[in-house]
Amino acid sequence: MGNQIQTKDEFNTDAYNKLANEFRHVITDIICRSGSGHVGGALSLVEIIITLYYRIMNIDPKNPDMPERDRFVLSKGHAGPVAYTALAYLGYFPKTWLPTLNADGTRLPSHMDQIQTPGVDMSTGSLGQGISCACGLALAAKMNNEKHSVFCIIGDGESNEGQVWEAGLFASHNKLDNLVCICDYNKLQIDGTTNEVLSLEPLTDKWIAFGWEVFEMDGHDWDDIYDKINLAKKVKGKPSMIIAHTIKAKGCKIIEGTAGSHNIKVPDKEAHEKYMNALDGEKVTLPY
């Protein structure tokens, strides 16, 4: 399916909706196969990841280390299954790798690993560190007069980490206008709502105060995602933060919008089938 819509010059809503549905089935299946995993924060990013990889970023699956490629850092590295799915569908590695998620000897660990997985630009998972790495990549590009962009996705729960805000100061101070960050603002984290655990509001005002250009978008609306990321790319003299309003575990009815979706446990085949049957959209033939 994915190979049919790789052109950046054409957009067909039905085709992209079908691809997103297929991604959600694959993500849920491979997490269930592994026995547990962070399904909520992976499903909330499906439309954003697809838009970045299929419509925005300058990348070449046949040449993963292309020097002029855009860089991508998934700072909330526990959402790795959504990025792995995109990489497999684009041909960075065989789709048959996908069901090996987090298994012994896998090339797809539960958190992103640039050593193990083709197409991954930065290892992540220690929350707060990914955005700092993205700042380093962006500064290096500036120092070397390179023109590529650096894209980074952070979590709202991750934003409880002080290192996120230190990185925010650093990026603004160094005028990293080649850096576009997206906050997956699904408003839930492992222990409850972000407002209950440690409120981020007023989130937009905070990033503005830290010297960033800030946009907001519906993280499940294809046009809004595409338009806001392109606007952020055009900003000069400062980094950009896009607050993406998303739904945790989007598309899985029994856990959608719940903190319990952050990390599910799947002890047996019955539980596996329960999660798969709860997915919205047409059932798909898994590609492995």
Protein backbone atom coordinates (compact mmCIF):
# COMPACT_ATOMS: atom_id res chain seq x y z
CA MET A 1 0.00 0.00 0.00
CA GLY A 2 2.61 2.54 1.10
CA ASN A 3 4.64 2.31 -2.09
CA GLN A 4 1.66 3.61 -4.06
CA ILE A 5 1.71 7.10 -2.51
CA GLN A 6 5.34 8.05 -2.17
CA THR A 7 5.15 11.09 -4.45
CA LYS A 8 5.20 14.40 -2.57
CA ASP A 9 3.37 16.16 -5.40
CA GLU A 10 0.09 14.31 -5.08
CA PHE A 11 -2.24 13.85 -2.15
CA ASN A 12 -5.28 11.61 -2.04
CA THR A 13 -7.20 11.66 1.22
CA ASP A 14 -8.67 8.19 0.80
CA ALA A 15 -5.27 6.65 0.07
CA TYR A 16 -3.69 8.31 3.08
CA ASN A 17 -6.58 7.33 5.34
CA LYS A 18 -6.14 3.72 4.22
CA LEU A 19 -2.42 3.92 4.89
CA ALA A 20 -3.02 5.35 8.37
CA ASN A 21 -5.49 2.55 9.09
CA GLU A 22 -2.94 -0.02 7.94
CA PHE A 23 -0.25 1.58 10.11
CA ARG A 24 -2.52 1.38 13.16
CA HIS A 25 -3.16 -2.32 12.56
CA VAL A 26 0.55 -3.03 12.12
CA ILE A 27 1.58 -0.99 15.17
CA THR A 28 -1.00 -2.65 17.40
CA ASP A 29 -0.17 -6.11 16.10
CA ILE A 30 3.58 -5.88 16.57
CA ILE A 31 3.22 -4.43 20.07
CA CYS A 32 0.79 -7.21 20.99
CA ARG A 33 3.18 -9.81 19.60
CA SER A 34 5.94 -8.47 21.83
CA GLY A 35 3.74 -8.90 24.91
CA SER A 36 3.67 -5.25 25.92
CA GLY A 37 4.44 -1.82 24.60
CA HIS A 38 3.68 1.85 24.28
CA VAL A 39 0.75 1.68 21.91
CA GLY A 40 -0.97 4.91 23.00
CA GLY A 41 1.80 7.30 22.07
CA ALA A 42 2.53 5.44 18.84
CA LEU A 43 -1.05 5.53 17.58
CA SER A 44 -1.35 9.23 18.38
CA LEU A 45 1.46 10.02 15.93
CA VAL A 46 0.36 8.07 12.85
CA GLU A 47 -0.79 10.99 10.69
CA ILE A 48 2.16 13.16 11.73
CA ILE A 49 4.75 10.48 11.00
CA ILE A 50 3.20 9.63 7.64
CA THR A 51 3.12 13.31 6.64
CA LEU A 52 6.76 13.82 7.62
CA TYR A 53 8.08 10.73 5.88
CA TYR A 54 5.86 10.74 2.80
CA ARG A 55 5.27 14.44 2.13
CA ILE A 56 7.78 16.65 3.95
CA MET A 57 11.24 15.24 4.59
CA ASN A 58 13.97 15.04 1.99
CA ILE A 59 15.01 11.40 2.37
CA ASP A 60 16.03 8.50 0.16
CA PRO A 61 15.40 4.95 1.42
CA LYS A 62 17.89 3.67 -1.18
CA ASN A 63 20.55 5.98 0.28
CA PRO A 64 19.77 6.21 4.03
CA ASP A 65 22.98 8.10 4.82
CA MET A 66 22.55 10.72 2.09
CA PRO A 67 24.43 13.74 3.51
CA GLU A 68 21.81 16.28 2.45
CA ARG A 69 18.89 14.32 3.93
CA ASP A 70 16.65 15.87 6.54
CA ARG A 71 17.19 14.44 10.01
CA PHE A 72 14.44 13.08 12.25
CA VAL A 73 14.62 12.56 16.01
CA LEU A 74 11.79 10.84 17.88
CA SER A 75 12.61 12.17 21.32
CA LYS A 76 9.73 10.19 22.81
CA GLY A 77 11.60 7.10 21.68
CA HIS A 78 9.11 4.67 23.22
CA ALA A 79 6.82 5.46 20.26
CA GLY A 80 9.35 3.76 17.99
CA PRO A 81 6.84 1.30 16.45
CA VAL A 82 5.18 4.09 14.45
CA ALA A 83 8.51 5.22 13.00
CA TYR A 84 9.59 1.62 12.35
CA THR A 85 6.38 1.07 10.40
CA ALA A 86 7.06 4.10 8.21
CA LEU A 87 10.66 3.04 7.61
CA ALA A 88 9.62 -0.50 6.65
CA TYR A 89 6.89 0.68 4.31
CA LEU A 90 9.31 3.04 2.59
CA GLY A 91 11.85 0.27 2.09
CA TYR A 92 14.58 1.01 4.62
CA PHE A 93 14.33 -2.62 5.74
CA PRO A 94 12.02 -5.58 5.05
CA LYS A 95 8.51 -5.51 6.49
CA THR A 96 9.23 -8.98 7.85
CA TRP A 97 11.33 -7.28 10.52
CA LEU A 98 8.27 -5.60 12.01
CA PRO A 99 6.88 -8.56 14.00
CA THR A 100 10.30 -9.02 15.61
CA LEU A 101 9.77 -5.84 17.67
CA ASN A 102 11.67 -6.14 20.94
CA ALA A 103 12.37 -9.86 20.46
CA ASP A 104 15.75 -11.41 21.19
CA GLY A 105 18.18 -10.51 18.42
CA THR A 106 15.84 -7.98 16.84
CA ARG A 107 16.95 -4.95 14.83
CA LEU A 108 13.87 -3.15 16.18
CA PRO A 109 14.20 -2.57 19.93
CA SER A 110 11.30 -1.02 21.81
CA HIS A 111 13.07 2.37 21.80
CA MET A 112 14.75 3.93 18.77
CA ASP A 113 18.34 2.80 18.12
CA GLN A 114 20.48 4.30 15.35
CA ILE A 115 22.97 1.43 15.52
CA GLN A 116 20.41 -1.32 15.09
CA THR A 117 17.86 0.18 12.71
CA PRO A 118 18.46 1.54 9.20
CA GLY A 119 17.02 5.01 8.73
CA VAL A 120 17.17 6.05 12.39
CA ASP A 121 19.21 9.23 12.84
CA MET A 122 19.38 9.27 16.64
CA SER A 123 18.97 6.76 19.46
CA THR A 124 16.31 7.94 21.92
CA GLY A 125 14.31 6.79 24.89
CA SER A 126 15.84 8.59 27.87
CA LEU A 127 13.19 11.27 27.99
CA GLY A 128 14.39 14.83 27.53
CA GLN A 129 17.57 13.88 25.73
CA GLY A 130 16.25 13.56 22.19
CA ILE A 131 15.44 17.24 21.77
CA SER A 132 18.94 18.10 23.01
CA CYS A 133 20.38 15.77 20.37
CA ALA A 134 18.19 17.43 17.75
CA CYS A 135 19.60 20.80 18.81
CA GLY A 136 23.11 19.42 18.34
CA LEU A 137 22.26 18.13 14.87
CA ALA A 138 20.76 21.49 13.93
CA LEU A 139 23.72 23.46 15.27
CA ALA A 140 26.18 21.21 13.46
CA ALA A 141 24.30 21.77 10.21
CA LYS A 142 24.46 25.53 10.75
CA MET A 143 28.19 25.43 11.49
CA ASN A 144 28.81 23.38 8.35
CA ASN A 145 26.57 25.60 6.17
CA GLU A 146 24.34 22.61 5.39
CA LYS A 147 20.79 23.29 4.26
CA HIS A 148 18.85 20.30 5.58
CA SER A 149 16.19 20.55 8.28
CA VAL A 150 16.02 18.71 11.59
CA PHE A 151 12.62 17.49 12.77
CA CYS A 152 12.01 16.37 16.34
CA ILE A 153 8.93 15.01 18.10
CA ILE A 154 8.68 15.36 21.87
CA GLY A 155 6.02 14.08 24.24
CA ASP A 156 3.87 16.15 26.56
CA GLY A 157 4.75 13.90 29.49
CA GLU A 158 8.37 14.16 28.41
CA SER A 159 8.02 17.91 28.75
CA ASN A 160 8.09 17.45 32.53
CA GLU A 161 11.84 16.97 32.08
CA GLY A 162 13.93 20.05 32.75
CA GLN A 163 16.30 19.07 29.95
CA VAL A 164 13.55 19.82 27.42
CA TRP A 165 13.48 23.42 28.56
CA GLU A 166 17.27 23.71 28.69
CA ALA A 167 17.27 22.57 25.07
CA GLY A 168 14.62 25.16 24.35
CA LEU A 169 16.85 27.92 25.67
CA PHE A 170 19.83 26.58 23.73
CA ALA A 171 17.95 26.39 20.44
CA SER A 172 16.62 29.92 20.76
CA HIS A 173 20.00 31.33 21.80
CA ASN A 174 21.64 29.77 18.75
CA LYS A 175 18.83 30.83 16.40
CA LEU A 176 18.28 27.28 15.16
CA ASP A 177 15.74 28.08 12.46
CA ASN A 178 16.56 24.77 10.78
CA LEU A 179 14.93 22.97 13.72
CA VAL A 180 11.21 22.12 13.72
CA CYS A 181 9.88 20.43 16.86
CA ILE A 182 6.44 18.93 17.33
CA CYS A 183 4.92 18.30 20.75
CA ASP A 184 2.55 15.32 20.76
CA TYR A 185 0.02 16.98 23.05
CA ASN A 186 -2.36 14.10 23.72
CA LYS A 187 -2.64 15.41 27.30
CA LEU A 188 -2.05 12.00 28.89
CA GLN A 189 1.03 10.33 30.34
CA ILE A 190 1.78 7.15 32.23
CA ASP A 191 0.32 8.31 35.56
CA GLY A 192 -2.70 10.28 34.37
CA THR A 193 -3.50 13.53 32.62
CA THR A 194 -0.75 16.07 32.11
CA ASN A 195 -2.81 18.57 34.09
CA GLU A 196 -2.98 16.20 37.06
CA VAL A 197 0.67 15.11 37.01
CA LEU A 198 2.38 18.42 36.23
CA SER A 199 0.49 20.97 34.21
CA LEU A 200 2.16 22.33 31.10
CA GLU A 201 -0.25 25.19 30.57
CA PRO A 202 0.02 27.76 29.17
CA LEU A 203 2.14 25.59 26.86
CA THR A 204 2.10 27.86 23.82
CA ASP A 205 3.04 30.90 25.91
CA LYS A 206 5.92 29.02 27.53
CA TRP A 207 7.55 28.20 24.20
CA ILE A 208 7.01 31.75 22.97
CA ALA A 209 8.69 33.02 26.14
CA PHE A 210 11.62 30.70 25.41
CA GLY A 211 12.10 32.45 22.07
CA TRP A 212 10.44 29.98 19.69
CA GLU A 213 7.95 30.55 16.91
CA VAL A 214 4.89 28.53 17.91
CA PHE A 215 2.09 26.98 15.89
CA GLU A 216 -0.83 24.77 16.90
CA MET A 217 -2.41 22.05 14.80
CA ASP A 218 -4.84 19.16 14.79
CA GLY A 219 -2.44 16.22 14.80
CA HIS A 220 -4.89 14.00 12.93
CA ASP A 221 -5.86 16.43 10.14
CA TRP A 222 -3.78 15.82 7.01
CA ASP A 223 -4.05 19.36 5.64
CA ASP A 224 -3.40 21.08 8.96
CA ILE A 225 -0.33 18.94 9.64
CA TYR A 226 1.12 19.56 6.19
CA ASP A 227 0.44 23.28 6.24
CA LYS A 228 1.78 23.93 9.74
CA ILE A 229 5.00 21.98 9.23
CA ASN A 230 5.65 23.87 6.01
CA LEU A 231 4.98 27.19 7.74
CA ALA A 232 7.42 26.20 10.49
CA LYS A 233 10.08 25.37 7.90
CA LYS A 234 9.87 28.93 6.55
CA VAL A 235 10.54 30.62 9.91
CA LYS A 236 13.83 32.54 10.02
CA GLY A 237 15.98 33.47 13.00
CA LYS A 238 14.41 31.16 15.60
CA PRO A 239 13.39 27.52 16.09
CA SER A 240 9.77 26.44 15.68
CA MET A 241 7.54 24.42 17.98
CA ILE A 242 4.26 22.95 16.76
CA ILE A 243 1.78 21.99 19.46
CA ALA A 244 -0.04 19.00 17.98
CA HIS A 245 -3.41 18.29 19.59
CA THR A 246 -3.76 14.53 19.34
CA ILE A 247 -5.70 11.63 20.85
CA LYS A 248 -3.72 9.01 22.72
CA ALA A 249 -4.26 5.53 21.27
CA LYS A 250 -6.22 7.07 18.39
CA GLY A 251 -8.26 4.42 16.59
CA CYS A 252 -8.30 1.71 19.26
CA LYS A 253 -11.73 2.07 20.83
CA ILE A 254 -11.18 0.24 24.11
CA ILE A 255 -8.17 2.33 25.16
CA GLU A 256 -8.48 5.52 23.09
CA GLY A 257 -8.05 8.64 25.19
CA THR A 258 -6.96 6.78 28.33
CA ALA A 259 -3.77 6.92 30.36
CA GLY A 260 -3.90 3.13 30.52
CA SER A 261 -2.97 2.99 26.83
CA HIS A 262 0.49 4.34 27.60
CA ASN A 263 1.93 0.85 28.05
CA ILE A 264 -0.34 -2.14 27.56
CA LYS A 265 0.30 -5.70 28.69
CA VAL A 266 -0.68 -8.48 26.30
CA PRO A 267 -0.29 -11.81 28.09
CA ASP A 268 -2.01 -14.11 25.60
CA LYS A 269 -3.64 -14.56 22.21
CA GLU A 270 -7.03 -13.57 23.57
CA ALA A 271 -5.73 -10.17 24.67
CA HIS A 272 -3.99 -9.76 21.30
CA GLU A 273 -7.24 -10.39 19.46
CA LYS A 274 -9.11 -8.03 21.79
CA TYR A 275 -6.89 -5.09 20.87
CA MET A 276 -6.89 -5.90 17.17
CA ASN A 277 -10.69 -6.22 17.09
CA ALA A 278 -11.01 -2.84 18.82
CA LEU A 279 -9.35 -0.98 15.96
CA ASP A 280 -11.43 1.35 13.82
CA GLY A 281 -11.48 1.03 10.06
CA GLU A 282 -11.39 -1.92 7.72
CA LYS A 283 -9.42 -4.96 8.77
CA VAL A 284 -6.21 -5.32 6.80
CA THR A 285 -3.98 -8.14 5.65
CA LEU A 286 -0.77 -7.67 7.60
CA PRO A 287 2.29 -7.34 5.31
CA TYR A 288 4.44 -10.03 6.94
